[in-house]
Structure formats: structure tokens, C-alpha cells
Amino acid sequence: MTRRRFQRGSIHKRGKRKKVWVARYNEDVIGPDGAMASIRRSEVLGTVAEIPTKRQAEQLLADRLRPINSGHYRPSSLRTLGDYAQTIWLPQALPTLKYSTKRYYQYMLRVHLYPTFADVQLRLINRDAVQSFLSAKLSSGLSWRTVKGLRTLFGTLMAAAEADEIIPSNPVRKTRFPRRGLVKERADIAPEKIRELLTALPEPSRSLAQLLVFTGLRIGELLALRWRDVDLERCGLRVTQSVYEGHFDEPKSKRSKRSVPLGAKSIEILAARKPAGVNPDALVFCTDKGTPLDRRNLVNRQLKPTCKKIGLTGVGWHWLRHANATLLDAVGTPLGTVQALLGHSSSEVTRDVYLHSIPADARAAVQKVEDFLIRPKLTQDVEFAKTGSSLIQ
């Protein structure tokens, strides 16, 4: 769009004790309805102490006006973040997302972004504003992971606004995020602790926990499992769905749709739950009404109280999936096989996130190193004696 006219703007001082230079100029903008408009901008350039002469202030204003006076200037939009998110971004983004992700986006917008930025024009959201917002959220006690997720969502929204040419650049990309501090430790994945937990849990959490440890399924995949996907004769099951808060959806990724072999104990657990003449479409784990079990209710009513009773902390449904991966690694399962069984798209995720050290194995490894160095084998002693004696001679 070509410029309407060349403008120089105006400069004046404001304030008594702390005087500042204030610039005023006209700017073409696009209203929320898409119509062109012109607004009068007023902007503080700096203090008189920082900019001692009017000539220097005029030079700063000329630098600010250079993009506006250029023939390539594009008017910015007055659309606010809340209006853009509700009328443009969410209607386009939500249909492409899984149900759990939709709920997450809507929650983070409603609870965190809207209270601060809903009525702020997108063009006025700069790097400093975003950086201050993220720092305040971290200082308020939110976890590092929560604030990182909030930053990712904020950046995704602003990137869409940049693609729609509502803002010239995405300010969230320019922010810096602190390194992650100390993380609350998960419970050690020790076989004896797993056995104690699986024995102490009441039903149906006991059967759920056992199958999660034996198969490595996600809790949503196990709660969505139907009898048509279980083949006890061929000792396997198929993961075709996942459930979150009663809503069925596709599994997490393409690799998550997979076949999982069953061991003898898993077959025994499933066979004990399968009634005669069962409907193939019925859920393996369900309420009396045939609806999916609520994972949170089971955690609060059975898993947490049991863990507290036996002295386990940091344990959830997903911890049991980590336990499966760790035990597979402990028995020498190749990384590619572990990745396939867990349904991961990347082996890096399997290796870096899901494989943990079993304390007993770590102690045994350390002891083996000590034994190798401090207590050499008899043959090594004899050889050393021979070599040593020849050196002495």
C-alpha cells in the first residue's frame, strides 16, 4: 500500500520532575471490521536526561516514522488478542486437535492469557510484555513445565497472527526461557516396590496397574480397550483408540496404533474379566453402565491412598508405563523393540525419557567395577606376579 502523505510528526516535553519527550504522529490501521482508519499515536521516546536536545528527539521520531513513510508500509490491525483468538484462531485450530489438546488450549487461554492480554491489541504486544508475563507466572508458583506450555501456546497463537499479516513478527519467539530447575523426583522403579504396589491395590486399579506394567500401554489406551481388540488365543491385543474424560479419540500418534503381545499373567487377568457371551464392542474396563472408568477418580480413591500407605511418592498411571520401559531395558530388550512396544514415534523419546536405572542394577554395576579393579582374578594375579618379577630382575 502506498503512503498517503509524508509526515514528520511533532515533539513536545511532558512532566515536571521527570521530563520526557513525547512524539505524536498519525498511523493508518485496519479496524476489527476490516475497514481502514487513521489514528493519532502518542509515544514516549525517552527522558530529557537520556535525550538532552530536541534535535536528537526529532531524529528518533524520524527513525520511527521511516517505515510508515516508506512505500512498502502495511497498516497494522487494531484487533485484540481475545477477539482474534475467539473469532479466527480457535475456529481454525480446534477441529485439527485431539479432544485433550482442545481442553488444554481452552483452559490455558481462559485462566492465563485472557486475564492479561484479552483486551490488548495484538500489535501492542511486544517482547518485553511477554517476557514480564512469563516471569510473573514463574514467580507466582506455576511449575516450569506449565509456564513452558503456556509460552508454546502463546507463541503458536502469535505465529498464526503473523501468518495472517496482523502483526509484523512474533514477539514470543524473541523471549528467553530459564533453564529447568530441580524437578520433583519420581519414585525409584524398583521391582520389589512394583510388586508391593500391585499386591496392595484394590480392584479394578490392581488389574489396570498390572496390565500397564506388563504391556506399557497408556492409561487412556487401556481404558478404551474393547473386547474386539483382545485376542486371548493369539496372545495379543490391538491399540486402536484412546479415551480422555469420556471422549474417545485416535491414539496419540500413528505409531501408537499398534499390536501388543500378551504374557501369561496378562492373559490370565483379561480372561478372568471376560464374561460369557460378551459384546465385542464392550469395554474391557467400564462402569456398571458400560461407560469408561474415570482415571482421576481411580487415582484419588485407590492409587494415591495405596501409595501413601506403602510409602511410595510420585507415582501415577504414567509412572507404570515408565516402569514397563525400564524393566524391558533391564532384561536386555533392544531399544527398537522397546520403542515399538510403547508406540513411540522416536527412539530418542524412548531412550531419554522412559528408560530409568533400577537401583539394584546400578549398585551391581558399581560393585562390578570395584571388583574388577580391586579384586582381580587369580589368573590376573599370577600374570601380574610373573610380569612384576621380571621387571624387578
Protein backbone atom coordinates (compact mmCIF):
# COMPACT_ATOMS: atom_id res chain seq x y z
CA MET A 1 0.00 0.00 0.00
CA THR A 2 1.47 3.41 -0.99
CA ARG A 3 1.71 6.14 1.61
CA ARG A 4 -0.95 8.87 1.65
CA ARG A 5 1.43 11.63 2.68
CA PHE A 6 4.86 12.18 4.13
CA GLN A 7 4.71 13.17 7.79
CA ARG A 8 7.23 14.45 10.29
CA GLY A 9 5.10 14.22 13.42
CA SER A 10 5.51 16.53 16.42
CA ILE A 11 7.66 16.57 19.55
CA HIS A 12 6.96 18.10 22.97
CA LYS A 13 8.11 17.78 26.57
CA ARG A 14 5.89 16.40 29.30
CA GLY A 15 6.26 16.13 33.06
CA LYS A 16 7.60 18.27 35.90
CA ARG A 17 10.11 16.34 37.97
CA LYS A 18 10.97 13.72 35.36
CA LYS A 19 10.54 15.32 31.96
CA VAL A 20 10.15 13.11 28.89
CA TRP A 21 10.00 13.65 25.15
CA VAL A 22 6.62 12.67 23.68
CA ALA A 23 6.13 12.08 19.96
CA ARG A 24 2.81 12.32 18.15
CA TYR A 25 2.04 11.12 14.65
CA ASN A 26 -0.71 9.61 12.51
CA GLU A 27 -0.85 5.92 11.68
CA ASP A 28 -3.08 4.05 9.25
CA VAL A 29 -4.63 0.96 10.80
CA ILE A 30 -7.16 -1.72 9.99
CA GLY A 31 -10.17 -1.81 12.32
CA PRO A 32 -11.68 -5.02 13.71
CA ASP A 33 -14.29 -4.84 10.94
CA GLY A 34 -11.56 -4.74 8.28
CA ALA A 35 -12.12 -1.07 7.39
CA MET A 36 -9.19 1.34 7.06
CA ALA A 37 -8.85 4.09 9.67
CA SER A 38 -6.30 6.64 10.84
CA ILE A 39 -5.39 7.07 14.49
CA ARG A 40 -3.30 9.60 16.36
CA ARG A 41 -0.41 7.89 18.13
CA SER A 42 1.33 9.29 21.22
CA GLU A 43 4.59 7.63 22.23
CA VAL A 44 7.23 8.39 24.86
CA LEU A 45 10.67 8.42 23.24
CA GLY A 46 12.68 8.76 26.46
CA THR A 47 13.60 11.12 29.27
CA VAL A 48 15.17 14.51 28.73
CA ALA A 49 18.17 13.24 30.70
CA GLU A 50 18.62 10.44 28.15
CA ILE A 51 17.83 12.65 25.11
CA PRO A 52 19.16 16.12 26.00
CA THR A 53 18.20 18.02 22.81
CA LYS A 54 15.03 18.32 20.77
CA ARG A 55 17.05 17.65 17.62
CA GLN A 56 18.01 14.21 18.94
CA ALA A 57 14.38 13.51 19.82
CA GLU A 58 13.34 14.52 16.30
CA GLN A 59 15.92 12.14 14.86
CA LEU A 60 14.48 9.27 16.94
CA LEU A 61 10.99 10.16 15.73
CA ALA A 62 12.20 10.21 12.13
CA ASP A 63 13.58 6.69 12.62
CA ARG A 64 10.20 5.55 13.98
CA LEU A 65 8.35 7.15 11.05
CA ARG A 66 10.64 5.77 8.35
CA PRO A 67 8.64 2.51 7.92
CA ILE A 68 5.36 4.47 7.87
CA ASN A 69 6.67 6.96 5.29
CA SER A 70 8.06 4.20 3.09
CA GLY A 71 6.12 3.00 0.09
CA HIS A 72 6.03 -0.56 1.47
CA TYR A 73 4.27 0.19 4.74
CA ARG A 74 1.38 -2.13 5.61
CA PRO A 75 -1.22 -0.82 8.06
CA SER A 76 -1.48 -2.84 11.27
CA SER A 77 -4.69 -4.18 12.75
CA LEU A 78 -6.47 -2.98 15.89
CA ARG A 79 -7.72 -6.48 16.58
CA THR A 80 -7.26 -7.61 20.18
CA LEU A 81 -5.82 -10.93 21.23
CA GLY A 82 -9.13 -12.12 22.69
CA ASP A 83 -11.10 -11.21 19.58
CA TYR A 84 -8.56 -12.80 17.24
CA ALA A 85 -8.34 -16.00 19.29
CA GLN A 86 -12.11 -16.45 19.58
CA THR A 87 -13.19 -15.46 16.07
CA ILE A 88 -10.30 -16.60 13.87
CA TRP A 89 -7.65 -18.77 15.50
CA LEU A 90 -9.67 -21.19 17.64
CA PRO A 91 -12.30 -21.96 14.95
CA GLN A 92 -9.45 -22.88 12.60
CA ALA A 93 -7.24 -24.72 15.11
CA LEU A 94 -9.68 -26.70 17.27
CA PRO A 95 -11.03 -29.02 14.53
CA THR A 96 -7.48 -30.25 13.89
CA LEU A 97 -6.73 -31.12 17.54
CA LYS A 98 -7.38 -34.08 19.78
CA TYR A 99 -10.01 -33.58 22.48
CA SER A 100 -7.46 -33.45 25.30
CA THR A 101 -5.44 -30.79 23.45
CA LYS A 102 -8.58 -28.74 22.82
CA ARG A 103 -9.37 -28.75 26.52
CA TYR A 104 -5.78 -27.77 27.32
CA TYR A 105 -5.79 -24.84 24.87
CA GLN A 106 -9.12 -23.53 26.11
CA TYR A 107 -8.07 -23.82 29.76
CA MET A 108 -4.73 -22.03 29.28
CA LEU A 109 -6.39 -19.23 27.33
CA ARG A 110 -9.20 -18.76 29.84
CA VAL A 111 -7.12 -18.98 33.01
CA HIS A 112 -3.80 -17.42 31.99
CA LEU A 113 -3.73 -15.49 28.70
CA TYR A 114 -7.13 -13.79 28.62
CA PRO A 115 -6.92 -12.08 32.03
CA THR A 116 -3.75 -10.27 30.92
CA PHE A 117 -3.99 -9.91 27.14
CA ALA A 118 -7.60 -10.44 26.01
CA ASP A 119 -8.27 -6.69 25.57
CA VAL A 120 -4.77 -5.80 24.34
CA GLN A 121 -4.29 -5.13 20.63
CA LEU A 122 -2.03 -7.71 19.04
CA ARG A 123 0.18 -5.03 17.52
CA LEU A 124 0.94 -3.64 21.00
CA ILE A 125 2.13 -6.95 22.46
CA ASN A 126 5.92 -6.75 22.39
CA ARG A 127 8.78 -8.88 23.65
CA ASP A 128 9.08 -7.05 26.98
CA ALA A 129 5.40 -7.54 27.75
CA VAL A 130 5.60 -11.27 27.01
CA GLN A 131 8.84 -11.67 28.99
CA SER A 132 7.35 -9.90 32.02
CA PHE A 133 4.22 -12.04 31.76
CA LEU A 134 6.16 -15.31 31.71
CA SER A 135 8.43 -14.21 34.56
CA ALA A 136 5.41 -13.29 36.66
CA LYS A 137 3.84 -16.69 36.04
CA LEU A 138 7.02 -18.46 37.15
CA SER A 139 7.23 -16.25 40.25
CA SER A 140 3.60 -16.99 41.11
CA GLY A 141 4.43 -20.63 41.78
CA LEU A 142 3.43 -22.25 38.50
CA SER A 143 5.69 -25.13 37.53
CA TRP A 144 8.39 -24.68 34.91
CA ARG A 145 6.62 -27.19 32.68
CA THR A 146 3.28 -25.35 32.92
CA VAL A 147 4.82 -21.99 32.04
CA LYS A 148 6.76 -23.56 29.18
CA GLY A 149 3.49 -24.96 27.82
CA LEU A 150 1.89 -21.54 28.20
CA ARG A 151 4.76 -19.95 26.26
CA THR A 152 4.36 -22.55 23.49
CA LEU A 153 0.63 -21.87 23.21
CA PHE A 154 1.17 -18.09 23.24
CA GLY A 155 3.81 -18.44 20.52
CA THR A 156 1.53 -20.62 18.39
CA LEU A 157 -1.27 -18.05 18.58
CA MET A 158 1.04 -15.13 17.74
CA ALA A 159 2.63 -17.11 14.88
CA ALA A 160 -0.85 -17.54 13.40
CA ALA A 161 -1.44 -13.79 13.72
CA GLU A 162 1.87 -13.19 11.94
CA ALA A 163 0.87 -15.58 9.15
CA ASP A 164 -2.44 -13.70 8.82
CA GLU A 165 -0.39 -10.47 8.47
CA ILE A 166 -1.99 -8.92 11.54
CA ILE A 167 1.40 -8.39 13.21
CA PRO A 168 4.80 -7.99 11.52
CA SER A 169 6.62 -10.55 13.71
CA ASN A 170 6.06 -12.95 16.57
CA PRO A 171 7.34 -11.38 19.84
CA VAL A 172 7.10 -14.64 21.79
CA ARG A 173 9.95 -16.14 19.73
CA LYS A 174 12.22 -13.37 20.97
CA THR A 175 11.73 -14.17 24.65
CA ARG A 176 14.17 -16.17 26.74
CA PHE A 177 13.09 -19.01 28.95
CA PRO A 178 15.09 -20.06 32.02
CA ARG A 179 16.65 -23.47 32.37
CA ARG A 180 14.63 -26.01 34.25
CA GLY A 181 15.46 -26.13 37.94
CA LEU A 182 15.22 -29.06 40.30
CA VAL A 183 12.46 -31.48 39.34
CA LYS A 184 10.37 -33.36 41.85
CA GLU A 185 11.80 -36.85 41.87
CA ARG A 186 9.72 -39.79 40.77
CA ALA A 187 9.66 -42.93 42.84
CA ASP A 188 12.52 -45.30 42.08
CA ILE A 189 11.48 -48.01 39.67
CA ALA A 190 12.46 -50.94 41.85
CA PRO A 191 10.94 -54.37 41.15
CA GLU A 192 10.22 -55.01 44.84
CA LYS A 193 8.28 -51.73 45.13
CA ILE A 194 6.29 -52.52 41.99
CA ARG A 195 5.38 -55.94 43.38
CA GLU A 196 4.32 -54.38 46.68
CA LEU A 197 2.11 -51.84 44.90
CA LEU A 198 0.49 -54.39 42.60
CA THR A 199 -0.31 -56.59 45.60
CA ALA A 200 -1.74 -53.78 47.76
CA LEU A 201 -4.01 -52.12 45.18
CA PRO A 202 -7.74 -52.91 45.24
CA GLU A 203 -9.67 -53.75 42.09
CA PRO A 204 -10.07 -52.50 39.42
CA SER A 205 -6.87 -50.49 39.90
CA ARG A 206 -4.86 -53.65 40.59
CA SER A 207 -5.71 -55.19 37.21
CA LEU A 208 -5.18 -51.84 35.47
CA ALA A 209 -1.78 -51.36 37.11
CA GLN A 210 -0.67 -54.89 36.35
CA LEU A 211 -1.55 -54.56 32.68
CA LEU A 212 0.14 -51.16 32.44
CA VAL A 213 3.36 -52.61 33.89
CA PHE A 214 3.18 -55.76 31.74
CA THR A 215 2.21 -54.10 28.41
CA GLY A 216 3.40 -50.47 28.61
CA LEU A 217 0.03 -49.15 27.42
CA ARG A 218 -1.03 -45.60 28.18
CA ILE A 219 -3.88 -45.40 30.68
CA GLY A 220 -6.14 -43.84 28.04
CA GLU A 221 -5.39 -46.72 25.65
CA LEU A 222 -6.15 -49.34 28.28
CA LEU A 223 -9.41 -47.70 29.39
CA ALA A 224 -10.51 -47.51 25.71
CA LEU A 225 -9.69 -51.18 25.06
CA ARG A 226 -12.65 -53.20 23.73
CA TRP A 227 -13.02 -56.97 23.64
CA ARG A 228 -12.93 -57.00 19.83
CA ASP A 229 -9.32 -55.81 20.07
CA VAL A 230 -8.27 -58.55 22.50
CA ASP A 231 -7.24 -61.96 21.13
CA LEU A 232 -6.54 -64.28 24.03
CA GLU A 233 -5.91 -67.26 21.76
CA ARG A 234 -3.18 -65.48 19.82
CA CYS A 235 -1.90 -63.80 22.99
CA GLY A 236 -2.16 -60.20 21.84
CA LEU A 237 -4.21 -57.03 21.68
CA ARG A 238 -4.54 -54.08 19.30
CA VAL A 239 -4.45 -50.42 20.29
CA THR A 240 -6.99 -48.58 18.12
CA GLN A 241 -8.42 -45.89 20.41
CA SER A 242 -7.74 -43.74 23.42
CA VAL A 243 -10.18 -42.13 25.86
CA TYR A 244 -9.93 -38.87 27.80
CA GLU A 245 -12.66 -37.67 30.16
CA GLY A 246 -15.18 -39.97 28.48
CA HIS A 247 -14.32 -38.85 24.92
CA PHE A 248 -12.90 -41.44 22.54
CA ASP A 249 -10.27 -40.36 20.04
CA GLU A 250 -7.43 -41.64 17.87
CA PRO A 251 -4.29 -42.75 19.74
CA LYS A 252 -1.59 -40.17 20.37
CA SER A 253 0.32 -40.77 17.11
CA LYS A 254 0.41 -43.06 14.08
CA ARG A 255 2.94 -45.31 15.80
CA SER A 256 0.58 -45.56 18.77
CA LYS A 257 -1.78 -47.69 16.69
CA ARG A 258 -0.03 -50.98 17.27
CA SER A 259 -0.27 -54.63 18.23
CA VAL A 260 0.99 -55.58 21.69
CA PRO A 261 1.86 -59.18 22.69
CA LEU A 262 0.50 -60.54 25.97
CA GLY A 263 2.28 -62.68 28.51
CA ALA A 264 0.70 -65.47 30.53
CA LYS A 265 -0.20 -63.26 33.51
CA SER A 266 -1.80 -60.61 31.27
CA ILE A 267 -3.88 -63.29 29.55
CA GLU A 268 -4.95 -64.60 32.96
CA ILE A 269 -6.07 -61.12 34.09
CA LEU A 270 -8.07 -60.46 30.91
CA ALA A 271 -9.59 -63.94 30.82
CA ALA A 272 -10.83 -63.51 34.39
CA ARG A 273 -12.62 -60.29 33.41
CA LYS A 274 -14.22 -61.60 30.23
CA PRO A 275 -17.83 -62.69 30.78
CA ALA A 276 -19.52 -65.35 28.68
CA GLY A 277 -21.26 -64.04 25.56
CA VAL A 278 -19.69 -60.61 25.90
CA ASN A 279 -20.44 -57.96 23.27
CA PRO A 280 -17.27 -57.45 21.18
CA ASP A 281 -17.83 -53.68 21.31
CA ALA A 282 -17.98 -53.63 25.11
CA LEU A 283 -15.13 -52.03 27.04
CA VAL A 284 -12.79 -54.32 28.94
CA PHE A 285 -12.77 -51.86 31.88
CA CYS A 286 -16.03 -49.99 32.39
CA THR A 287 -18.63 -48.86 34.92
CA ASP A 288 -21.86 -50.74 35.59
CA LYS A 289 -23.45 -48.61 32.86
CA GLY A 290 -20.80 -49.61 30.32
CA THR A 291 -19.10 -46.19 30.29
CA PRO A 292 -15.33 -45.71 30.60
CA LEU A 293 -13.78 -45.61 34.06
CA ASP A 294 -12.55 -42.20 35.24
CA ARG A 295 -8.76 -42.28 35.59
CA ARG A 296 -8.73 -39.37 38.05
CA ASN A 297 -11.29 -40.95 40.35
CA LEU A 298 -9.25 -44.14 40.42
CA VAL A 299 -6.09 -42.19 41.26
CA ASN A 300 -7.74 -40.24 44.08
CA ARG A 301 -9.70 -43.14 45.55
CA GLN A 302 -7.34 -46.07 45.11
CA LEU A 303 -3.88 -45.36 43.68
CA LYS A 304 -2.83 -42.40 45.88
CA PRO A 305 -4.14 -43.85 49.17
CA THR A 306 -2.38 -47.16 48.46
CA CYS A 307 0.90 -45.45 47.54
CA LYS A 308 0.73 -43.37 50.72
CA LYS A 309 0.12 -46.50 52.77
CA ILE A 310 3.21 -48.28 51.45
CA GLY A 311 5.40 -45.17 51.33
CA LEU A 312 5.58 -44.55 47.57
CA THR A 313 5.64 -40.96 46.26
CA GLY A 314 5.50 -39.54 42.76
CA VAL A 315 3.54 -42.48 41.37
CA GLY A 316 0.79 -42.12 38.78
CA TRP A 317 -0.60 -44.14 35.91
CA HIS A 318 2.18 -42.89 33.63
CA TRP A 319 4.84 -43.99 36.12
CA LEU A 320 3.73 -47.57 35.47
CA ARG A 321 4.37 -47.09 31.75
CA HIS A 322 7.87 -45.84 32.60
CA ALA A 323 8.28 -48.92 34.78
CA ASN A 324 7.46 -51.17 31.83
CA ALA A 325 10.06 -49.44 29.65
CA THR A 326 12.70 -49.67 32.37
CA LEU A 327 12.05 -53.35 33.03
CA LEU A 328 12.20 -54.12 29.31
CA ASP A 329 15.59 -52.43 29.18
CA ALA A 330 16.75 -54.25 32.32
CA VAL A 331 16.09 -57.65 30.75
CA GLY A 332 18.10 -56.70 27.66
CA THR A 333 15.34 -55.77 25.21
CA PRO A 334 16.72 -53.91 22.14
CA LEU A 335 15.83 -50.20 22.01
CA GLY A 336 13.90 -50.59 18.74
CA THR A 337 11.70 -53.28 20.29
CA VAL A 338 11.01 -51.10 23.36
CA GLN A 339 10.11 -48.21 21.04
CA ALA A 340 7.69 -50.39 19.05
CA LEU A 341 6.02 -51.83 22.14
CA LEU A 342 5.48 -48.37 23.65
CA GLY A 343 4.30 -46.87 20.36
CA HIS A 344 6.83 -44.05 20.29
CA SER A 345 7.50 -42.13 17.07
CA SER A 346 11.11 -41.51 18.06
CA SER A 347 13.70 -43.75 19.72
CA GLU A 348 15.15 -40.63 21.37
CA VAL A 349 11.97 -40.25 23.43
CA THR A 350 12.19 -43.89 24.47
CA ARG A 351 15.85 -43.63 25.45
CA ASP A 352 15.94 -40.15 27.02
CA VAL A 353 12.56 -40.07 28.81
CA TYR A 354 11.32 -43.57 29.51
CA LEU A 355 14.41 -45.63 30.36
CA HIS A 356 15.42 -45.32 34.03
CA SER A 357 18.02 -47.06 36.12
CA ILE A 358 16.91 -49.78 38.52
CA PRO A 359 18.69 -49.07 41.84
CA ALA A 360 19.78 -52.68 42.37
CA ASP A 361 21.22 -52.84 38.85
CA ALA A 362 23.11 -49.58 39.39
CA ARG A 363 24.59 -50.87 42.65
CA ALA A 364 25.59 -54.15 41.00
CA ALA A 365 27.30 -52.28 38.16
CA VAL A 366 29.29 -50.13 40.60
CA GLN A 367 30.31 -53.21 42.57
CA LYS A 368 31.48 -54.95 39.38
CA VAL A 369 33.80 -52.02 38.62
CA GLU A 370 35.25 -52.16 42.12
CA ASP A 371 35.69 -55.93 41.91
CA PHE A 372 37.44 -55.61 38.56
CA LEU A 373 39.95 -53.08 39.84
CA ILE A 374 40.43 -54.03 43.48
CA ARG A 375 39.98 -57.81 43.41
CA PRO A 376 41.47 -59.06 40.11
CA LYS A 377 41.00 -62.65 39.13
CA LEU A 378 43.52 -65.26 40.15
CA THR A 379 44.85 -65.58 36.60
CA GLN A 380 45.43 -61.82 36.54
CA ASP A 381 47.30 -62.04 39.86
CA VAL A 382 49.55 -64.81 38.54
CA GLU A 383 50.26 -62.92 35.30
CA PHE A 384 50.98 -59.75 37.20
CA ALA A 385 53.30 -61.64 39.53
CA LYS A 386 55.25 -63.04 36.58
CA THR A 387 55.47 -59.69 34.86
CA GLY A 388 56.31 -57.89 38.04
CA SER A 389 59.07 -60.31 38.95
CA SER A 390 60.65 -59.98 35.51
CA LEU A 391 60.56 -56.21 35.84
CA ILE A 392 62.23 -56.39 39.23
CA GLN A 393 65.02 -58.53 37.83
